[in-house]
Amino acid sequence: MKIKHFFAIVFISVLFSGQPEAKAQCAMCTLTADNSVQNGNMDGRGLNKAILYLLAAPYVAVGIIGTVWYRKYRRRNIALEIKDERINLN
């Protein structure tokens, strides 16, 4: 089991380390950011980073929900060995 986790971590690390930096946004935001940087204003850089954070937020939320669901599902399938005894609740 630990070997699978190790290989999964190595695979994901290699996968993400080889990716070029991607910056994507709508045409209006691109023009605003480029014009502000050319005019000496540094707010365009902050706009670019804010757009990337907004883009990543739904993926992070889905990942967290999926992880919580998986952990609860995995715990539910555990077989408990309980002795059959009569319990008096008086």
PDB file of N, CA and C in Angstrom:
ATOM      1  N   MET A   1       0.813  -1.183   0.000  1.00  0.00           N
ATOM      2  CA  MET A   1       0.000   0.000   0.000  1.00  0.00           C
ATOM      3  C   MET A   1       0.863   1.257   0.000  1.00  0.00           C
ATOM      4  N   LYS A   2       1.944   1.239   0.770  1.00  0.00           N
ATOM      5  CA  LYS A   2       2.823   2.400   0.822  1.00  0.00           C
ATOM      6  C   LYS A   2       3.529   2.605  -0.513  1.00  0.00           C
ATOM      7  N   ILE A   3       3.804   1.513  -1.219  1.00  0.00           N
ATOM      8  CA  ILE A   3       4.471   1.629  -2.516  1.00  0.00           C
ATOM      9  C   ILE A   3       3.554   2.324  -3.511  1.00  0.00           C
ATOM     10  N   LYS A   4       2.264   2.023  -3.463  1.00  0.00           N
ATOM     11  CA  LYS A   4       1.312   2.680  -4.361  1.00  0.00           C
ATOM     12  C   LYS A   4       1.264   4.178  -4.092  1.00  0.00           C
ATOM     13  N   HIS A   5       1.235   4.543  -2.817  1.00  0.00           N
ATOM     14  CA  HIS A   5       1.215   5.964  -2.466  1.00  0.00           C
ATOM     15  C   HIS A   5       2.504   6.652  -2.917  1.00  0.00           C
ATOM     16  N   PHE A   6       3.620   5.986  -2.745  1.00  0.00           N
ATOM     17  CA  PHE A   6       4.898   6.557  -3.151  1.00  0.00           C
ATOM     18  C   PHE A   6       4.922   6.804  -4.657  1.00  0.00           C
ATOM     19  N   PHE A   7       4.509   5.800  -5.439  1.00  0.00           N
ATOM     20  CA  PHE A   7       4.511   5.960  -6.891  1.00  0.00           C
ATOM     21  C   PHE A   7       3.493   6.998  -7.345  1.00  0.00           C
ATOM     22  N   ALA A   8       2.379   7.096  -6.660  1.00  0.00           N
ATOM     23  CA  ALA A   8       1.393   8.114  -7.003  1.00  0.00           C
ATOM     24  C   ALA A   8       1.954   9.511  -6.765  1.00  0.00           C
ATOM     25  N   ILE A   9       2.639   9.702  -5.654  1.00  0.00           N
ATOM     26  CA  ILE A   9       3.234  11.007  -5.355  1.00  0.00           C
ATOM     27  C   ILE A   9       4.327  11.344  -6.359  1.00  0.00           C
ATOM     28  N   VAL A  10       5.157  10.374  -6.699  1.00  0.00           N
ATOM     29  CA  VAL A  10       6.219  10.608  -7.681  1.00  0.00           C
ATOM     30  C   VAL A  10       5.613  10.942  -9.035  1.00  0.00           C
ATOM     31  N   PHE A  11       4.586  10.216  -9.438  1.00  0.00           N
ATOM     32  CA  PHE A  11       3.947  10.457 -10.734  1.00  0.00           C
ATOM     33  C   PHE A  11       3.342  11.853 -10.801  1.00  0.00           C
ATOM     34  N   ILE A  12       2.633  12.247  -9.762  1.00  0.00           N
ATOM     35  CA  ILE A  12       2.018  13.571  -9.744  1.00  0.00           C
ATOM     36  C   ILE A  12       3.083  14.660  -9.718  1.00  0.00           C
ATOM     37  N   SER A  13       4.160  14.444  -8.979  1.00  0.00           N
ATOM     38  CA  SER A  13       5.249  15.429  -8.929  1.00  0.00           C
ATOM     39  C   SER A  13       5.889  15.613 -10.295  1.00  0.00           C
ATOM     40  N   VAL A  14       6.158  14.518 -10.983  1.00  0.00           N
ATOM     41  CA  VAL A  14       6.755  14.598 -12.319  1.00  0.00           C
ATOM     42  C   VAL A  14       5.780  15.240 -13.293  1.00  0.00           C
ATOM     43  N   LEU A  15       4.512  14.906 -13.169  1.00  0.00           N
ATOM     44  CA  LEU A  15       3.501  15.453 -14.064  1.00  0.00           C
ATOM     45  C   LEU A  15       3.411  16.970 -13.945  1.00  0.00           C
ATOM     46  N   PHE A  16       3.394  17.471 -12.712  1.00  0.00           N
ATOM     47  CA  PHE A  16       3.254  18.907 -12.517  1.00  0.00           C
ATOM     48  C   PHE A  16       4.563  19.675 -12.659  1.00  0.00           C
ATOM     49  N   SER A  17       5.691  19.034 -12.492  1.00  0.00           N
ATOM     50  CA  SER A  17       6.957  19.752 -12.598  1.00  0.00           C
ATOM     51  C   SER A  17       7.309  20.071 -14.046  1.00  0.00           C
ATOM     52  N   GLY A  18       6.793  19.327 -14.986  1.00  0.00           N
ATOM     53  CA  GLY A  18       7.125  19.545 -16.387  1.00  0.00           C
ATOM     54  C   GLY A  18       6.174  20.463 -17.122  1.00  0.00           C
ATOM     55  N   GLN A  19       5.191  21.002 -16.437  1.00  0.00           N
ATOM     56  CA  GLN A  19       4.195  21.836 -17.094  1.00  0.00           C
ATOM     57  C   GLN A  19       4.668  23.289 -17.166  1.00  0.00           C
ATOM     58  N   PRO A  20       4.464  23.929 -18.311  1.00  0.00           N
ATOM     59  CA  PRO A  20       4.806  25.356 -18.395  1.00  0.00           C
ATOM     60  C   PRO A  20       3.786  26.180 -17.609  1.00  0.00           C
ATOM     61  N   GLU A  21       4.183  27.367 -17.246  1.00  0.00           N
ATOM     62  CA  GLU A  21       3.285  28.237 -16.499  1.00  0.00           C
ATOM     63  C   GLU A  21       2.158  28.691 -17.414  1.00  0.00           C
ATOM     64  N   ALA A  22       0.947  28.552 -16.964  1.00  0.00           N
ATOM     65  CA  ALA A  22      -0.214  28.915 -17.776  1.00  0.00           C
ATOM     66  C   ALA A  22      -0.924  30.099 -17.137  1.00  0.00           C
ATOM     67  N   LYS A  23      -1.179  31.103 -17.935  1.00  0.00           N
ATOM     68  CA  LYS A  23      -1.944  32.255 -17.483  1.00  0.00           C
ATOM     69  C   LYS A  23      -3.002  32.524 -18.540  1.00  0.00           C
ATOM     70  N   ALA A  24      -4.240  32.344 -18.160  1.00  0.00           N
ATOM     71  CA  ALA A  24      -5.330  32.540 -19.103  1.00  0.00           C
ATOM     72  C   ALA A  24      -6.400  33.411 -18.452  1.00  0.00           C
ATOM     73  N   GLN A  25      -6.988  34.264 -19.245  1.00  0.00           N
ATOM     74  CA  GLN A  25      -8.058  35.122 -18.767  1.00  0.00           C
ATOM     75  C   GLN A  25      -8.818  35.658 -19.966  1.00  0.00           C
ATOM     76  N   CYS A  26      -9.898  36.341 -19.721  1.00  0.00           N
ATOM     77  CA  CYS A  26     -10.705  36.863 -20.819  1.00  0.00           C
ATOM     78  C   CYS A  26      -9.967  38.015 -21.514  1.00  0.00           C
ATOM     79  N   ALA A  27     -10.429  38.354 -22.696  1.00  0.00           N
ATOM     80  CA  ALA A  27      -9.762  39.382 -23.500  1.00  0.00           C
ATOM     81  C   ALA A  27      -9.796  40.751 -22.817  1.00  0.00           C
ATOM     82  N   MET A  28     -10.899  41.079 -22.177  1.00  0.00           N
ATOM     83  CA  MET A  28     -11.010  42.381 -21.514  1.00  0.00           C
ATOM     84  C   MET A  28     -10.017  42.490 -20.355  1.00  0.00           C
ATOM     85  N   CYS A  29      -9.906  41.429 -19.578  1.00  0.00           N
ATOM     86  CA  CYS A  29      -8.980  41.451 -18.442  1.00  0.00           C
ATOM     87  C   CYS A  29      -7.534  41.508 -18.923  1.00  0.00           C
ATOM     88  N   THR A  30      -7.233  40.798 -20.008  1.00  0.00           N
ATOM     89  CA  THR A  30      -5.879  40.816 -20.561  1.00  0.00           C
ATOM     90  C   THR A  30      -5.495  42.221 -20.999  1.00  0.00           C
ATOM     91  N   LEU A  31      -6.383  42.888 -21.730  1.00  0.00           N
ATOM     92  CA  LEU A  31      -6.091  44.246 -22.196  1.00  0.00           C
ATOM     93  C   LEU A  31      -5.924  45.212 -21.023  1.00  0.00           C
ATOM     94  N   THR A  32      -6.774  45.108 -20.034  1.00  0.00           N
ATOM     95  CA  THR A  32      -6.672  45.985 -18.865  1.00  0.00           C
ATOM     96  C   THR A  32      -5.353  45.775 -18.136  1.00  0.00           C
ATOM     97  N   ALA A  33      -4.990  44.526 -17.931  1.00  0.00           N
ATOM     98  CA  ALA A  33      -3.749  44.220 -17.221  1.00  0.00           C
ATOM     99  C   ALA A  33      -2.532  44.670 -18.020  1.00  0.00           C
ATOM    100  N   ASP A  34      -2.515  44.399 -19.324  1.00  0.00           N
ATOM    101  CA  ASP A  34      -1.374  44.792 -20.156  1.00  0.00           C
ATOM    102  C   ASP A  34      -1.225  46.305 -20.233  1.00  0.00           C
ATOM    103  N   ASN A  35      -2.320  47.015 -20.397  1.00  0.00           N
ATOM    104  CA  ASN A  35      -2.252  48.474 -20.476  1.00  0.00           C
ATOM    105  C   ASN A  35      -1.802  49.086 -19.154  1.00  0.00           C
ATOM    106  N   SER A  36      -2.245  48.530 -18.044  1.00  0.00           N
ATOM    107  CA  SER A  36      -1.849  49.106 -16.757  1.00  0.00           C
ATOM    108  C   SER A  36      -0.369  48.866 -16.485  1.00  0.00           C
ATOM    109  N   VAL A  37       0.164  47.706 -16.885  1.00  0.00           N
ATOM    110  CA  VAL A  37       1.587  47.427 -16.678  1.00  0.00           C
ATOM    111  C   VAL A  37       2.432  48.318 -17.582  1.00  0.00           C
ATOM    112  N   GLN A  38       1.989  48.544 -18.812  1.00  0.00           N
ATOM    113  CA  GLN A  38       2.736  49.403 -19.736  1.00  0.00           C
ATOM    114  C   GLN A  38       2.762  50.846 -19.256  1.00  0.00           C
ATOM    115  N   ASN A  39       1.719  51.266 -18.563  1.00  0.00           N
ATOM    116  CA  ASN A  39       1.658  52.634 -18.061  1.00  0.00           C
ATOM    117  C   ASN A  39       2.356  52.798 -16.715  1.00  0.00           C
ATOM    118  N   GLY A  40       2.977  51.741 -16.212  1.00  0.00           N
ATOM    119  CA  GLY A  40       3.721  51.830 -14.966  1.00  0.00           C
ATOM    120  C   GLY A  40       2.933  51.433 -13.733  1.00  0.00           C
ATOM    121  N   ASN A  41       1.688  51.074 -13.906  1.00  0.00           N
ATOM    122  CA  ASN A  41       0.859  50.667 -12.775  1.00  0.00           C
ATOM    123  C   ASN A  41       1.025  49.165 -12.553  1.00  0.00           C
ATOM    124  N   MET A  42       1.236  48.753 -11.331  1.00  0.00           N
ATOM    125  CA  MET A  42       1.471  47.335 -11.036  1.00  0.00           C
ATOM    126  C   MET A  42       0.197  46.592 -10.638  1.00  0.00           C
ATOM    127  N   ASP A  43      -0.958  47.223 -10.746  1.00  0.00           N
ATOM    128  CA  ASP A  43      -2.210  46.553 -10.386  1.00  0.00           C
ATOM    129  C   ASP A  43      -2.549  45.423 -11.348  1.00  0.00           C
ATOM    130  N   GLY A  44      -2.027  45.476 -12.552  1.00  0.00           N
ATOM    131  CA  GLY A  44      -2.302  44.426 -13.536  1.00  0.00           C
ATOM    132  C   GLY A  44      -1.771  43.073 -13.107  1.00  0.00           C
ATOM    133  N   ARG A  45      -0.630  43.074 -12.442  1.00  0.00           N
ATOM    134  CA  ARG A  45      -0.074  41.803 -11.955  1.00  0.00           C
ATOM    135  C   ARG A  45      -0.974  41.192 -10.888  1.00  0.00           C
ATOM    136  N   GLY A  46      -1.478  42.030 -10.024  1.00  0.00           N
ATOM    137  CA  GLY A  46      -2.412  41.546  -9.004  1.00  0.00           C
ATOM    138  C   GLY A  46      -3.694  41.021  -9.612  1.00  0.00           C
ATOM    139  N   LEU A  47      -4.146  41.662 -10.683  1.00  0.00           N
ATOM    140  CA  LEU A  47      -5.346  41.204 -11.379  1.00  0.00           C
ATOM    141  C   LEU A  47      -5.124  39.824 -11.975  1.00  0.00           C
ATOM    142  N   ASN A  48      -3.963  39.603 -12.566  1.00  0.00           N
ATOM    143  CA  ASN A  48      -3.657  38.291 -13.139  1.00  0.00           C
ATOM    144  C   ASN A  48      -3.669  37.205 -12.068  1.00  0.00           C
ATOM    145  N   LYS A  49      -3.049  37.476 -10.923  1.00  0.00           N
ATOM    146  CA  LYS A  49      -3.016  36.474  -9.853  1.00  0.00           C
ATOM    147  C   LYS A  49      -4.405  36.233  -9.274  1.00  0.00           C
ATOM    148  N   ALA A  50      -5.200  37.285  -9.146  1.00  0.00           N
ATOM    149  CA  ALA A  50      -6.556  37.126  -8.620  1.00  0.00           C
ATOM    150  C   ALA A  50      -7.399  36.251  -9.539  1.00  0.00           C
ATOM    151  N   ILE A  51      -7.241  36.414 -10.833  1.00  0.00           N
ATOM    152  CA  ILE A  51      -7.991  35.599 -11.788  1.00  0.00           C
ATOM    153  C   ILE A  51      -7.577  34.143 -11.678  1.00  0.00           C
ATOM    154  N   LEU A  52      -6.296  33.884 -11.504  1.00  0.00           N
ATOM    155  CA  LEU A  52      -5.840  32.503 -11.363  1.00  0.00           C
ATOM    156  C   LEU A  52      -6.365  31.878 -10.069  1.00  0.00           C
ATOM    157  N   TYR A  53      -6.425  32.638  -8.977  1.00  0.00           N
ATOM    158  CA  TYR A  53      -6.995  32.118  -7.729  1.00  0.00           C
ATOM    159  C   TYR A  53      -8.479  31.807  -7.903  1.00  0.00           C
ATOM    160  N   LEU A  54      -9.198  32.695  -8.576  1.00  0.00           N
ATOM    161  CA  LEU A  54     -10.619  32.446  -8.813  1.00  0.00           C
ATOM    162  C   LEU A  54     -10.828  31.222  -9.697  1.00  0.00           C
ATOM    163  N   LEU A  55      -9.921  30.996 -10.619  1.00  0.00           N
ATOM    164  CA  LEU A  55     -10.017  29.834 -11.495  1.00  0.00           C
ATOM    165  C   LEU A  55      -9.772  28.548 -10.718  1.00  0.00           C
ATOM    166  N   ALA A  56      -8.884  28.570  -9.754  1.00  0.00           N
ATOM    167  CA  ALA A  56      -8.529  27.363  -9.006  1.00  0.00           C
ATOM    168  C   ALA A  56      -9.523  27.043  -7.892  1.00  0.00           C
ATOM    169  N   ALA A  57     -10.285  28.004  -7.430  1.00  0.00           N
ATOM    170  CA  ALA A  57     -11.166  27.800  -6.278  1.00  0.00           C
ATOM    171  C   ALA A  57     -12.174  26.663  -6.463  1.00  0.00           C
ATOM    172  N   PRO A  58     -12.875  26.546  -7.596  1.00  0.00           N
ATOM    173  CA  PRO A  58     -13.827  25.431  -7.734  1.00  0.00           C
ATOM    174  C   PRO A  58     -13.151  24.066  -7.707  1.00  0.00           C
ATOM    175  N   TYR A  59     -11.965  23.966  -8.274  1.00  0.00           N
ATOM    176  CA  TYR A  59     -11.257  22.682  -8.274  1.00  0.00           C
ATOM    177  C   TYR A  59     -10.832  22.293  -6.859  1.00  0.00           C
ATOM    178  N   VAL A  60     -10.398  23.262  -6.087  1.00  0.00           N
ATOM    179  CA  VAL A  60     -10.018  22.992  -4.698  1.00  0.00           C
ATOM    180  C   VAL A  60     -11.247  22.565  -3.893  1.00  0.00           C
ATOM    181  N   ALA A  61     -12.372  23.240  -4.101  1.00  0.00           N
ATOM    182  CA  ALA A  61     -13.595  22.899  -3.373  1.00  0.00           C
ATOM    183  C   ALA A  61     -14.059  21.484  -3.709  1.00  0.00           C
ATOM    184  N   VAL A  62     -14.046  21.129  -4.984  1.00  0.00           N
ATOM    185  CA  VAL A  62     -14.450  19.779  -5.394  1.00  0.00           C
ATOM    186  C   VAL A  62     -13.484  18.745  -4.831  1.00  0.00           C
ATOM    187  N   GLY A  63     -12.206  19.054  -4.810  1.00  0.00           N
ATOM    188  CA  GLY A  63     -11.225  18.129  -4.244  1.00  0.00           C
ATOM    189  C   GLY A  63     -11.443  17.892  -2.759  1.00  0.00           C
ATOM    190  N   ILE A  64     -11.738  18.948  -2.018  1.00  0.00           N
ATOM    191  CA  ILE A  64     -11.986  18.807  -0.582  1.00  0.00           C
ATOM    192  C   ILE A  64     -13.255  17.997  -0.333  1.00  0.00           C
ATOM    193  N   ILE A  65     -14.317  18.303  -1.066  1.00  0.00           N
ATOM    194  CA  ILE A  65     -15.566  17.557  -0.907  1.00  0.00           C
ATOM    195  C   ILE A  65     -15.360  16.091  -1.265  1.00  0.00           C
ATOM    196  N   GLY A  66     -14.637  15.819  -2.331  1.00  0.00           N
ATOM    197  CA  GLY A  66     -14.365  14.436  -2.725  1.00  0.00           C
ATOM    198  C   GLY A  66     -13.551  13.690  -1.689  1.00  0.00           C
ATOM    199  N   THR A  67     -12.576  14.350  -1.103  1.00  0.00           N
ATOM    200  CA  THR A  67     -11.750  13.712  -0.076  1.00  0.00           C
ATOM    201  C   THR A  67     -12.567  13.390   1.167  1.00  0.00           C
ATOM    202  N   VAL A  68     -13.393  14.330   1.604  1.00  0.00           N
ATOM    203  CA  VAL A  68     -14.240  14.093   2.778  1.00  0.00           C
ATOM    204  C   VAL A  68     -15.208  12.948   2.502  1.00  0.00           C
ATOM    205  N   TRP A  69     -15.828  12.954   1.335  1.00  0.00           N
ATOM    206  CA  TRP A  69     -16.768  11.886   0.982  1.00  0.00           C
ATOM    207  C   TRP A  69     -16.066  10.539   0.945  1.00  0.00           C
ATOM    208  N   TYR A  70     -14.888  10.472   0.353  1.00  0.00           N
ATOM    209  CA  TYR A  70     -14.154   9.209   0.253  1.00  0.00           C
ATOM    210  C   TYR A  70     -13.786   8.670   1.634  1.00  0.00           C
ATOM    211  N   ARG A  71     -13.330   9.536   2.501  1.00  0.00           N
ATOM    212  CA  ARG A  71     -12.942   9.086   3.844  1.00  0.00           C
ATOM    213  C   ARG A  71     -14.143   8.574   4.634  1.00  0.00           C
ATOM    214  N   LYS A  72     -15.281   9.257   4.509  1.00  0.00           N
ATOM    215  CA  LYS A  72     -16.479   8.783   5.202  1.00  0.00           C
ATOM    216  C   LYS A  72     -16.960   7.465   4.609  1.00  0.00           C
ATOM    217  N   TYR A  73     -16.907   7.327   3.306  1.00  0.00           N
ATOM    218  CA  TYR A  73     -17.330   6.095   2.642  1.00  0.00           C
ATOM    219  C   TYR A  73     -16.423   4.942   3.039  1.00  0.00           C
ATOM    220  N   ARG A  74     -15.133   5.192   3.101  1.00  0.00           N
ATOM    221  CA  ARG A  74     -14.172   4.151   3.447  1.00  0.00           C
ATOM    222  C   ARG A  74     -14.375   3.693   4.889  1.00  0.00           C
ATOM    223  N   ARG A  75     -14.663   4.587   5.794  1.00  0.00           N
ATOM    224  CA  ARG A  75     -14.866   4.228   7.198  1.00  0.00           C
ATOM    225  C   ARG A  75     -16.155   3.430   7.396  1.00  0.00           C
ATOM    226  N   ARG A  76     -17.146   3.673   6.559  1.00  0.00           N
ATOM    227  CA  ARG A  76     -18.427   3.008   6.707  1.00  0.00           C
ATOM    228  C   ARG A  76     -18.334   1.520   6.378  1.00  0.00           C
ATOM    229  N   ASN A  77     -17.403   1.105   5.551  1.00  0.00           N
ATOM    230  CA  ASN A  77     -17.294  -0.282   5.127  1.00  0.00           C
ATOM    231  C   ASN A  77     -16.407  -1.134   6.032  1.00  0.00           C
ATOM    232  N   ILE A  78     -16.024  -0.627   7.176  1.00  0.00           N
ATOM    233  CA  ILE A  78     -15.186  -1.391   8.095  1.00  0.00           C
ATOM    234  C   ILE A  78     -16.072  -2.364   8.871  1.00  0.00           C
ATOM    235  N   ALA A  79     -15.674  -3.630   8.890  1.00  0.00           N
ATOM    236  CA  ALA A  79     -16.437  -4.646   9.614  1.00  0.00           C
ATOM    237  C   ALA A  79     -16.019  -4.641  11.081  1.00  0.00           C
ATOM    238  N   LEU A  80     -16.978  -4.499  11.958  1.00  0.00           N
ATOM    239  CA  LEU A  80     -16.710  -4.505  13.387  1.00  0.00           C
ATOM    240  C   LEU A  80     -17.078  -5.867  13.951  1.00  0.00           C
ATOM    241  N   GLU A  81     -16.207  -6.409  14.762  1.00  0.00           N
ATOM    242  CA  GLU A  81     -16.477  -7.695  15.395  1.00  0.00           C
ATOM    243  C   GLU A  81     -16.945  -7.434  16.824  1.00  0.00           C
ATOM    244  N   ILE A  82     -18.234  -7.552  17.023  1.00  0.00           N
ATOM    245  CA  ILE A  82     -18.831  -7.310  18.329  1.00  0.00           C
ATOM    246  C   ILE A  82     -19.444  -8.617  18.809  1.00  0.00           C
ATOM    247  N   LYS A  83     -19.189  -8.959  20.054  1.00  0.00           N
ATOM    248  CA  LYS A  83     -19.735 -10.191  20.614  1.00  0.00           C
ATOM    249  C   LYS A  83     -21.243 -10.059  20.773  1.00  0.00           C
ATOM    250  N   ASP A  84     -21.945 -11.155  20.495  1.00  0.00           N
ATOM    251  CA  ASP A  84     -23.394 -11.171  20.670  1.00  0.00           C
ATOM    252  C   ASP A  84     -23.716 -11.415  22.142  1.00  0.00           C
ATOM    253  N   GLU A  85     -23.984 -10.364  22.856  1.00  0.00           N
ATOM    254  CA  GLU A  85     -24.336 -10.456  24.265  1.00  0.00           C
ATOM    255  C   GLU A  85     -25.593  -9.652  24.502  1.00  0.00           C
ATOM    256  N   ARG A  86     -26.374 -10.124  25.431  1.00  0.00           N
ATOM    257  CA  ARG A  86     -27.555  -9.365  25.811  1.00  0.00           C
ATOM    258  C   ARG A  86     -27.122  -8.233  26.735  1.00  0.00           C
ATOM    259  N   ILE A  87     -27.624  -7.075  26.476  1.00  0.00           N
ATOM    260  CA  ILE A  87     -27.271  -5.911  27.278  1.00  0.00           C
ATOM    261  C   ILE A  87     -28.516  -5.458  28.029  1.00  0.00           C
ATOM    262  N   ASN A  88     -28.391  -5.317  29.325  1.00  0.00           N
ATOM    263  CA  ASN A  88     -29.493  -4.853  30.150  1.00  0.00           C
ATOM    264  C   ASN A  88     -29.290  -3.366  30.419  1.00  0.00           C
ATOM    265  N   LEU A  89     -30.228  -2.553  29.985  1.00  0.00           N
ATOM    266  CA  LEU A  89     -30.098  -1.102  30.113  1.00  0.00           C
ATOM    267  C   LEU A  89     -30.883  -0.539  31.294  1.00  0.00           C
ATOM    268  N   ASN A  90     -31.202  -1.361  32.287  1.00  0.00           N
ATOM    269  CA  ASN A  90     -31.949  -0.875  33.462  1.00  0.00           C
ATOM    270  C   ASN A  90     -31.067  -0.164  34.416  1.00  0.00           C
TER     271      ASN A  90
END
